[in-house]
Amino acid sequence: MGREGYIVPAEPQAAVKKNTAARNWIMMDCSGEKTVLDVDKYAIMHRVQIHARDLRILDPLLSYPSTILGRERAIVLNLEHIKAIITAEEVLLRDPSDEHVIPVVEELQRRLPPANASHHGQGDGKDYGKYDAEAGEEDESPFEFRALEVALEAICSFLAARTTELETAAYPALDQLTSKCKGMRLSEISSLNLDRVRKLKSAMTRLTARVQKVRDELEQLLDDDDDMADLYLSRKLAGASSPVSGSGAPNWFAASPTIGSKISRASRASVATVRGDENDVEELEMLLEAYFMQIDGTLNKLTALREYIDDTEDYINIQLDNHRNQLIQLELFLSSGTVCLSIYSLVAGIFGMNIPYTWNEDHGFMFKWVVIVTGVSCALLFVLIMSYARYKGLVGS
């Protein structure tokens, strides 16, 4: 504990390093009381008894995916902006001043205290017994599960809200592109519209990856009963403190002022542990399944949005291909007409050469016949080329 309370004079450079290494945490106990801690990683490691590699997962300067780790005395939680360490009697939350973390802190203050704490000392004994009976079932949930539920609810709601915002922006933009394509007003599709859709698709891809990682983490926990059993901190605490375990509680736990209430609340879990039911993870499984379904629904919304974007892209590509085919057909018509006119020009060039011939003297009446015959021949040639192209399916009917 000397590292937390003892301060020594330091050089300016050392002070900068100290401030860089220090991190702002907020600690909340089972009664909902919060305390701001400005300590370094070594003090945190000593307080919650975890390794440096586990604490490194919570470093905001490093890019780690969403993770839920169960350790002997703590749960290491890294869910997007929620970076927390949950023990059997307190929660350590990183960066409490962050705008996305403040609602989590407020929700933890509201839900961490036991349900019967708010009714303590109210009314006579009969009323208090009624309140205690009503709150008994809710108080069955261990402290770490209440904290974990707040974190899961916060991250699921956060990702769901981001998905709703993305849907609100994406669907009108996609419908606008589709309406312009339906009216064959492709010239109205500006680079600004396309760039907006591109940014929305990029945001959708990034958000899908974030939601997918949270979903995969919950699915991995649900598939492994041993990992879920590692999250039962109160059960392990009660088992270590049980007389039948053959050993007393560790000194680290004995130093806590709330250890008595925690052991009392986990007494039934202790009996389950002694009887060999330490792998009974039904309560946690139900909790994780509820939020797994919620995050899976969010992922389904993103998947539907991605399919809608893909369908819109396919529709636009089809319309562009159709427009391109029409241009090709127009080019075919113009090319065919150019070939026919070139033949007409060839005949005119032959007869227009300034070379004296005896056969063109006294034959002025032939001019009109040459013009008529050449024009009709070129027209017939154009019709023949178009008929052949239609027969081969090169132009539409």
Protein backbone atom coordinates (compact mmCIF):
# COMPACT_ATOMS: atom_id res chain seq x y z
CA MET A 1 0.00 0.00 0.00
CA GLY A 2 3.08 2.22 0.15
CA ARG A 3 2.86 2.83 -3.55
CA GLU A 4 -0.57 4.38 -3.17
CA GLY A 5 0.05 6.79 -0.31
CA TYR A 6 3.79 7.60 -0.26
CA ILE A 7 4.92 10.56 -2.39
CA VAL A 8 8.58 11.42 -3.07
CA PRO A 9 10.02 14.53 -4.72
CA ALA A 10 10.73 14.02 -8.39
CA GLU A 11 12.40 15.75 -11.30
CA PRO A 12 10.16 17.51 -13.83
CA GLN A 13 10.77 14.78 -16.40
CA ALA A 14 9.97 12.13 -13.84
CA ALA A 15 6.78 13.98 -12.95
CA VAL A 16 5.74 13.97 -16.57
CA LYS A 17 6.36 10.25 -16.77
CA LYS A 18 4.39 9.77 -13.56
CA ASN A 19 1.44 11.72 -14.94
CA THR A 20 1.66 9.76 -18.15
CA ALA A 21 1.68 6.46 -16.31
CA ALA A 22 -1.10 7.47 -13.92
CA ARG A 23 -4.66 6.70 -14.90
CA ASN A 24 -7.93 8.01 -13.58
CA TRP A 25 -10.19 5.34 -12.07
CA ILE A 26 -13.39 5.39 -10.07
CA MET A 27 -14.08 2.77 -7.41
CA MET A 28 -17.61 1.81 -6.38
CA ASP A 29 -18.35 -0.59 -3.57
CA CYS A 30 -21.41 -2.73 -2.95
CA SER A 31 -23.22 0.13 -1.21
CA GLY A 32 -22.93 2.37 -4.26
CA GLU A 33 -20.37 4.73 -2.74
CA LYS A 34 -17.86 5.99 -5.30
CA THR A 35 -14.27 7.09 -4.85
CA VAL A 36 -12.06 8.62 -7.53
CA LEU A 37 -8.60 7.02 -7.65
CA ASP A 38 -5.60 8.53 -9.38
CA VAL A 39 -3.17 5.64 -9.18
CA ASP A 40 -0.79 3.84 -11.47
CA LYS A 41 -1.15 0.36 -12.87
CA TYR A 42 0.95 -1.25 -10.13
CA ALA A 43 -1.43 -0.02 -7.44
CA ILE A 44 -4.37 -1.39 -9.41
CA MET A 45 -2.63 -4.73 -9.90
CA HIS A 46 -1.92 -4.95 -6.17
CA ARG A 47 -5.48 -3.95 -5.27
CA VAL A 48 -7.33 -6.47 -7.41
CA GLN A 49 -4.62 -9.15 -7.68
CA ILE A 50 -4.39 -9.44 -11.48
CA HIS A 51 -1.45 -9.73 -13.84
CA ALA A 52 -0.06 -6.94 -15.98
CA ARG A 53 -1.18 -8.65 -19.19
CA ASP A 54 -4.78 -8.52 -17.96
CA LEU A 55 -4.51 -4.85 -17.03
CA ARG A 56 -2.95 -4.10 -20.42
CA ILE A 57 -6.25 -5.09 -22.05
CA LEU A 58 -7.83 -2.02 -20.44
CA ASP A 59 -5.22 0.41 -21.75
CA PRO A 60 -7.03 2.93 -24.00
CA LEU A 61 -3.80 3.58 -25.89
CA LEU A 62 -3.77 -0.03 -27.08
CA SER A 63 -6.31 -1.50 -29.45
CA TYR A 64 -7.76 -4.64 -27.89
CA PRO A 65 -11.04 -6.24 -28.94
CA SER A 66 -13.97 -6.65 -26.59
CA THR A 67 -13.08 -9.15 -23.90
CA ILE A 68 -14.57 -10.61 -20.71
CA LEU A 69 -11.98 -12.47 -18.64
CA GLY A 70 -12.64 -14.37 -15.43
CA ARG A 71 -9.74 -14.46 -13.01
CA GLU A 72 -9.38 -15.88 -9.53
CA ARG A 73 -10.43 -12.72 -7.73
CA ALA A 74 -11.66 -10.37 -10.45
CA ILE A 75 -13.46 -10.03 -13.76
CA VAL A 76 -11.58 -8.01 -16.37
CA LEU A 77 -14.10 -6.28 -18.62
CA ASN A 78 -13.23 -4.53 -21.89
CA LEU A 79 -16.38 -3.66 -23.82
CA GLU A 80 -15.73 -0.74 -26.18
CA HIS A 81 -15.55 2.35 -23.94
CA ILE A 82 -16.45 0.38 -20.79
CA LYS A 83 -13.17 -0.73 -19.25
CA ALA A 84 -13.69 -2.11 -15.77
CA ILE A 85 -12.41 -4.53 -13.17
CA ILE A 86 -15.10 -6.22 -11.10
CA THR A 87 -14.31 -7.95 -7.84
CA ALA A 88 -16.62 -9.61 -5.33
CA GLU A 89 -17.12 -6.35 -3.49
CA GLU A 90 -16.15 -3.40 -5.68
CA VAL A 91 -15.98 -2.13 -9.25
CA LEU A 92 -13.08 -0.21 -10.72
CA LEU A 93 -14.07 1.77 -13.81
CA ARG A 94 -11.60 3.53 -16.04
CA ASP A 95 -11.93 7.10 -17.38
CA PRO A 96 -15.06 8.05 -15.38
CA SER A 97 -15.10 11.53 -16.95
CA ASP A 98 -15.74 10.15 -20.42
CA GLU A 99 -19.15 11.18 -21.77
CA HIS A 100 -20.06 7.56 -22.55
CA VAL A 101 -18.91 6.28 -19.15
CA ILE A 102 -20.80 8.81 -17.01
CA PRO A 103 -24.21 7.11 -17.59
CA VAL A 104 -22.63 3.78 -16.65
CA VAL A 105 -21.38 5.24 -13.37
CA GLU A 106 -24.82 6.64 -12.58
CA GLU A 107 -26.47 3.31 -13.35
CA LEU A 108 -23.97 1.47 -11.18
CA GLN A 109 -24.76 3.81 -8.28
CA ARG A 110 -28.45 3.09 -8.71
CA ARG A 111 -28.29 -0.69 -9.08
CA LEU A 112 -25.27 -1.88 -7.14
CA PRO A 113 -26.73 -1.45 -3.62
CA PRO A 114 -28.77 -4.47 -2.50
CA ALA A 115 -32.51 -4.15 -3.03
CA ASN A 116 -33.33 -4.27 0.67
CA ALA A 117 -30.82 -1.53 1.57
CA SER A 118 -33.22 1.23 0.59
CA HIS A 119 -35.86 -0.15 2.95
CA HIS A 120 -33.57 -0.50 5.94
CA GLY A 121 -35.03 1.13 9.01
CA GLN A 122 -38.36 2.01 7.42
CA GLY A 123 -41.58 1.11 9.26
CA ASP A 124 -42.04 -1.44 12.00
CA GLY A 125 -40.68 -4.96 12.08
CA LYS A 126 -43.59 -6.38 10.16
CA ASP A 127 -43.19 -3.96 7.28
CA TYR A 128 -39.44 -4.48 7.22
CA GLY A 129 -39.96 -8.22 7.01
CA LYS A 130 -42.28 -7.73 4.07
CA TYR A 131 -39.72 -5.55 2.27
CA ASP A 132 -37.00 -8.06 3.00
CA ALA A 133 -39.09 -10.89 1.60
CA GLU A 134 -39.85 -8.95 -1.55
CA ALA A 135 -36.20 -8.06 -2.07
CA GLY A 136 -34.89 -11.48 -1.19
CA GLU A 137 -35.08 -12.90 -4.68
CA GLU A 138 -33.33 -9.92 -6.26
CA ASP A 139 -30.68 -9.93 -3.55
CA GLU A 140 -29.82 -13.50 -4.56
CA SER A 141 -27.87 -12.06 -7.49
CA PRO A 142 -24.20 -11.67 -6.52
CA PHE A 143 -22.57 -8.28 -6.59
CA GLU A 144 -20.35 -9.09 -9.55
CA PHE A 145 -23.36 -10.15 -11.63
CA ARG A 146 -25.19 -6.91 -10.92
CA ALA A 147 -22.14 -4.96 -12.03
CA LEU A 148 -21.68 -7.19 -15.08
CA GLU A 149 -25.34 -6.76 -16.00
CA VAL A 150 -25.03 -2.96 -15.88
CA ALA A 151 -21.99 -3.10 -18.17
CA LEU A 152 -23.65 -5.48 -20.65
CA GLU A 153 -26.86 -3.45 -20.67
CA ALA A 154 -24.89 -0.25 -21.28
CA ILE A 155 -22.85 -1.63 -24.16
CA CYS A 156 -25.84 -3.33 -25.79
CA SER A 157 -27.89 -0.13 -25.54
CA PHE A 158 -24.97 1.92 -26.86
CA LEU A 159 -24.47 -0.30 -29.91
CA ALA A 160 -28.22 -0.48 -30.51
CA ALA A 161 -28.42 3.33 -30.46
CA ARG A 162 -25.53 3.62 -32.92
CA THR A 163 -27.28 1.11 -35.17
CA THR A 164 -30.53 3.07 -35.06
CA GLU A 165 -28.71 6.28 -35.96
CA LEU A 166 -27.02 4.54 -38.86
CA GLU A 167 -30.31 3.14 -40.11
CA THR A 168 -31.95 6.56 -39.87
CA ALA A 169 -29.23 8.07 -42.06
CA ALA A 170 -28.67 5.16 -44.45
CA TYR A 171 -32.15 4.13 -45.58
CA PRO A 172 -33.24 7.60 -46.88
CA ALA A 173 -29.93 8.03 -48.71
CA LEU A 174 -30.27 4.63 -50.36
CA ASP A 175 -33.91 5.24 -51.27
CA GLN A 176 -32.92 8.55 -52.85
CA LEU A 177 -30.40 6.81 -55.09
CA THR A 178 -32.94 4.15 -56.00
CA SER A 179 -35.60 6.72 -56.92
CA LYS A 180 -33.20 8.52 -59.24
CA CYS A 181 -32.29 5.25 -60.91
CA LYS A 182 -35.95 4.32 -61.38
CA GLY A 183 -36.59 7.59 -63.20
CA MET A 184 -33.48 7.01 -65.34
CA ARG A 185 -32.15 10.32 -64.04
CA LEU A 186 -28.63 8.99 -63.71
CA SER A 187 -27.18 12.40 -64.40
CA GLU A 188 -28.67 13.61 -61.08
CA ILE A 189 -26.60 11.08 -59.11
CA SER A 190 -23.74 13.32 -58.10
CA SER A 191 -20.45 12.38 -56.52
CA LEU A 192 -21.76 13.92 -53.29
CA ASN A 193 -24.56 11.33 -53.09
CA LEU A 194 -22.20 8.48 -53.82
CA ASP A 195 -19.63 9.72 -51.30
CA ARG A 196 -22.33 9.94 -48.63
CA VAL A 197 -23.38 6.35 -49.25
CA ARG A 198 -19.75 5.26 -49.25
CA LYS A 199 -19.20 6.83 -45.82
CA LEU A 200 -22.37 5.23 -44.48
CA LYS A 201 -21.26 1.84 -45.76
CA SER A 202 -17.84 2.27 -44.13
CA ALA A 203 -19.49 3.23 -40.84
CA MET A 204 -21.77 0.20 -41.12
CA THR A 205 -18.79 -2.11 -41.70
CA ARG A 206 -16.93 -0.77 -38.66
CA LEU A 207 -20.01 -0.94 -36.44
CA THR A 208 -20.75 -4.49 -37.59
CA ALA A 209 -17.24 -5.57 -36.63
CA ARG A 210 -17.67 -4.05 -33.15
CA VAL A 211 -21.05 -5.68 -32.60
CA GLN A 212 -19.78 -8.98 -33.97
CA LYS A 213 -16.89 -9.01 -31.52
CA VAL A 214 -19.16 -8.42 -28.51
CA ARG A 215 -21.50 -11.13 -29.75
CA ASP A 216 -18.65 -13.58 -30.28
CA GLU A 217 -17.34 -12.92 -26.78
CA LEU A 218 -20.74 -13.64 -25.22
CA GLU A 219 -21.15 -16.71 -27.39
CA GLN A 220 -17.74 -17.99 -26.36
CA LEU A 221 -18.66 -17.58 -22.69
CA LEU A 222 -21.98 -19.36 -23.19
CA ASP A 223 -20.27 -22.28 -24.91
CA ASP A 224 -17.79 -22.84 -22.08
CA ASP A 225 -19.18 -23.64 -18.62
CA ASP A 226 -15.71 -23.40 -17.08
CA ASP A 227 -15.31 -19.81 -18.24
CA MET A 228 -18.71 -18.95 -16.79
CA ALA A 229 -17.81 -20.65 -13.52
CA ASP A 230 -14.71 -18.44 -13.30
CA LEU A 231 -17.01 -15.40 -13.14
CA TYR A 232 -18.63 -16.60 -9.89
CA LEU A 233 -16.40 -14.53 -7.61
CA SER A 234 -18.76 -14.62 -4.62
CA ARG A 235 -18.99 -18.40 -4.85
CA LYS A 236 -15.21 -18.74 -4.88
CA LEU A 237 -14.97 -16.25 -2.00
CA ALA A 238 -17.56 -18.12 0.06
CA GLY A 239 -15.89 -21.45 -0.72
CA ALA A 240 -12.53 -20.15 0.45
CA SER A 241 -14.13 -18.79 3.65
CA SER A 242 -16.17 -21.91 4.43
CA PRO A 243 -15.10 -23.92 7.50
CA VAL A 244 -15.24 -27.14 5.53
CA SER A 245 -12.70 -25.81 3.04
CA GLY A 246 -9.95 -26.42 5.56
CA SER A 247 -8.40 -22.96 5.29
CA GLY A 248 -9.31 -19.44 6.24
CA ALA A 249 -9.93 -16.48 3.94
CA PRO A 250 -6.89 -14.85 2.33
CA ASN A 251 -5.48 -11.78 4.01
CA TRP A 252 -6.40 -9.65 1.00
CA PHE A 253 -10.08 -10.43 1.47
CA ALA A 254 -9.94 -10.11 5.25
CA ALA A 255 -8.85 -6.49 4.92
CA SER A 256 -12.16 -5.55 3.32
CA PRO A 257 -14.80 -3.90 5.53
CA THR A 258 -17.65 -5.53 3.62
CA ILE A 259 -16.36 -9.08 3.72
CA GLY A 260 -18.85 -10.15 6.38
CA SER A 261 -21.90 -9.06 4.42
CA LYS A 262 -20.48 -10.57 1.25
CA ILE A 263 -19.86 -13.94 2.88
CA SER A 264 -23.31 -13.88 4.47
CA ARG A 265 -24.99 -13.16 1.17
CA ALA A 266 -23.03 -15.92 -0.57
CA SER A 267 -23.69 -18.56 2.09
CA ARG A 268 -25.96 -20.60 -0.17
CA ALA A 269 -23.32 -20.46 -2.86
CA SER A 270 -20.86 -21.87 -0.32
CA VAL A 271 -23.13 -24.84 0.34
CA ALA A 272 -23.40 -25.42 -3.39
CA THR A 273 -19.64 -25.37 -3.67
CA VAL A 274 -19.17 -27.86 -0.85
CA ARG A 275 -21.70 -30.19 -2.43
CA GLY A 276 -19.79 -30.14 -5.70
CA ASP A 277 -22.18 -27.85 -7.60
CA GLU A 278 -19.51 -25.29 -8.40
CA ASN A 279 -20.16 -25.83 -12.12
CA ASP A 280 -23.81 -24.77 -11.80
CA VAL A 281 -23.84 -21.69 -14.02
CA GLU A 282 -27.56 -21.43 -14.76
CA GLU A 283 -27.96 -17.95 -13.27
CA LEU A 284 -25.08 -16.47 -15.25
CA GLU A 285 -26.11 -18.37 -18.35
CA MET A 286 -29.59 -16.82 -18.24
CA LEU A 287 -28.04 -13.37 -17.77
CA LEU A 288 -25.65 -13.77 -20.69
CA GLU A 289 -28.31 -15.29 -22.94
CA ALA A 290 -30.57 -12.28 -22.46
CA TYR A 291 -27.91 -9.84 -23.63
CA PHE A 292 -26.67 -12.25 -26.28
CA MET A 293 -30.14 -12.17 -27.82
CA GLN A 294 -30.15 -8.37 -27.63
CA ILE A 295 -26.75 -7.98 -29.29
CA ASP A 296 -27.70 -10.65 -31.82
CA GLY A 297 -30.78 -8.62 -32.72
CA THR A 298 -28.57 -5.57 -33.24
CA LEU A 299 -26.30 -7.62 -35.47
CA ASN A 300 -29.31 -8.81 -37.45
CA LYS A 301 -30.33 -5.18 -38.04
CA LEU A 302 -26.85 -4.41 -39.35
CA THR A 303 -26.93 -7.51 -41.52
CA ALA A 304 -30.27 -6.43 -42.97
CA LEU A 305 -28.84 -2.95 -43.61
CA ARG A 306 -25.82 -4.47 -45.34
CA GLU A 307 -28.07 -6.59 -47.52
CA TYR A 308 -30.14 -3.51 -48.34
CA ILE A 309 -26.98 -1.66 -49.34
CA ASP A 310 -25.86 -4.60 -51.47
CA ASP A 311 -29.27 -4.80 -53.11
CA THR A 312 -29.18 -1.07 -53.83
CA GLU A 313 -25.71 -1.39 -55.34
CA ASP A 314 -26.87 -4.31 -57.49
CA TYR A 315 -29.92 -2.33 -58.62
CA ILE A 316 -27.81 0.69 -59.51
CA ASN A 317 -25.34 -1.51 -61.38
CA ILE A 318 -28.20 -3.11 -63.32
CA GLN A 319 -29.57 0.32 -64.23
CA LEU A 320 -26.12 1.49 -65.27
CA ASP A 321 -25.64 -1.64 -67.38
CA ASN A 322 -29.00 -1.04 -69.01
CA HIS A 323 -28.04 2.57 -69.72
CA ARG A 324 -24.71 1.41 -71.10
CA ASN A 325 -26.45 -1.10 -73.37
CA GLN A 326 -28.67 1.64 -74.73
CA LEU A 327 -25.61 3.70 -75.53
CA ILE A 328 -24.05 0.72 -77.28
CA GLN A 329 -27.20 0.27 -79.36
CA LEU A 330 -27.13 3.94 -80.30
CA GLU A 331 -23.48 3.58 -81.26
CA LEU A 332 -24.40 0.59 -83.44
CA PHE A 333 -27.08 2.59 -85.24
CA LEU A 334 -24.71 5.49 -85.85
CA SER A 335 -21.90 3.22 -87.01
CA SER A 336 -24.20 1.40 -89.44
CA GLY A 337 -25.47 4.70 -90.84
CA THR A 338 -21.90 5.95 -91.20
CA VAL A 339 -20.95 2.84 -93.19
CA CYS A 340 -23.91 3.31 -95.55
CA LEU A 341 -23.18 7.01 -96.04
CA SER A 342 -19.54 6.22 -96.72
CA ILE A 343 -20.63 3.95 -99.60
CA TYR A 344 -22.81 6.78 -100.93
CA SER A 345 -19.86 9.14 -100.63
CA LEU A 346 -17.66 6.64 -102.47
CA VAL A 347 -20.01 6.56 -105.46
CA ALA A 348 -20.25 10.35 -105.45
CA GLY A 349 -16.45 10.59 -105.29
CA ILE A 350 -16.00 8.24 -108.24
CA PHE A 351 -18.37 10.17 -110.46
CA GLY A 352 -17.05 13.50 -109.24
CA MET A 353 -13.46 12.94 -110.32
CA ASN A 354 -12.26 15.59 -112.84
CA ILE A 355 -11.01 13.08 -115.43
CA PRO A 356 -12.22 13.31 -119.04
CA TYR A 357 -14.11 10.20 -120.17
CA THR A 358 -15.94 9.75 -123.43
CA TRP A 359 -18.80 7.80 -121.83
CA ASN A 360 -19.90 10.68 -119.60
CA GLU A 361 -20.52 13.04 -122.48
CA ASP A 362 -24.14 13.70 -123.46
CA HIS A 363 -25.40 11.55 -120.54
CA GLY A 364 -26.74 14.24 -118.19
CA PHE A 365 -29.97 12.30 -117.66
CA MET A 366 -27.97 9.61 -115.74
CA PHE A 367 -27.31 11.90 -112.75
CA LYS A 368 -30.68 11.42 -111.15
CA TRP A 369 -30.61 7.67 -111.66
CA VAL A 370 -27.20 7.36 -110.05
CA VAL A 371 -28.36 9.37 -107.06
CA ILE A 372 -31.60 7.39 -106.68
CA VAL A 373 -30.04 3.96 -107.12
CA THR A 374 -27.17 4.73 -104.77
CA GLY A 375 -29.49 6.13 -102.07
CA VAL A 376 -31.86 3.17 -102.27
CA SER A 377 -28.94 0.73 -102.14
CA CYS A 378 -27.49 2.41 -99.04
CA ALA A 379 -30.90 2.41 -97.34
CA LEU A 380 -31.38 -1.29 -98.11
CA LEU A 381 -27.91 -2.00 -96.76
CA PHE A 382 -28.74 -0.14 -93.51
CA VAL A 383 -32.00 -2.11 -93.11
CA LEU A 384 -30.14 -5.35 -93.77
CA ILE A 385 -27.52 -4.55 -91.10
CA MET A 386 -30.21 -3.68 -88.53
CA SER A 387 -32.19 -6.83 -89.32
CA TYR A 388 -29.10 -8.96 -88.83
CA ALA A 389 -28.30 -7.22 -85.52
CA ARG A 390 -31.89 -7.75 -84.32
CA TYR A 391 -31.77 -11.40 -85.40
CA LYS A 392 -28.57 -11.91 -83.38
CA GLY A 393 -30.07 -10.11 -80.37
CA LEU A 394 -27.58 -7.25 -80.50
CA VAL A 395 -30.37 -4.64 -80.34
CA GLY A 396 -33.69 -4.64 -78.51
CA SER A 397 -36.96 -5.45 -80.17
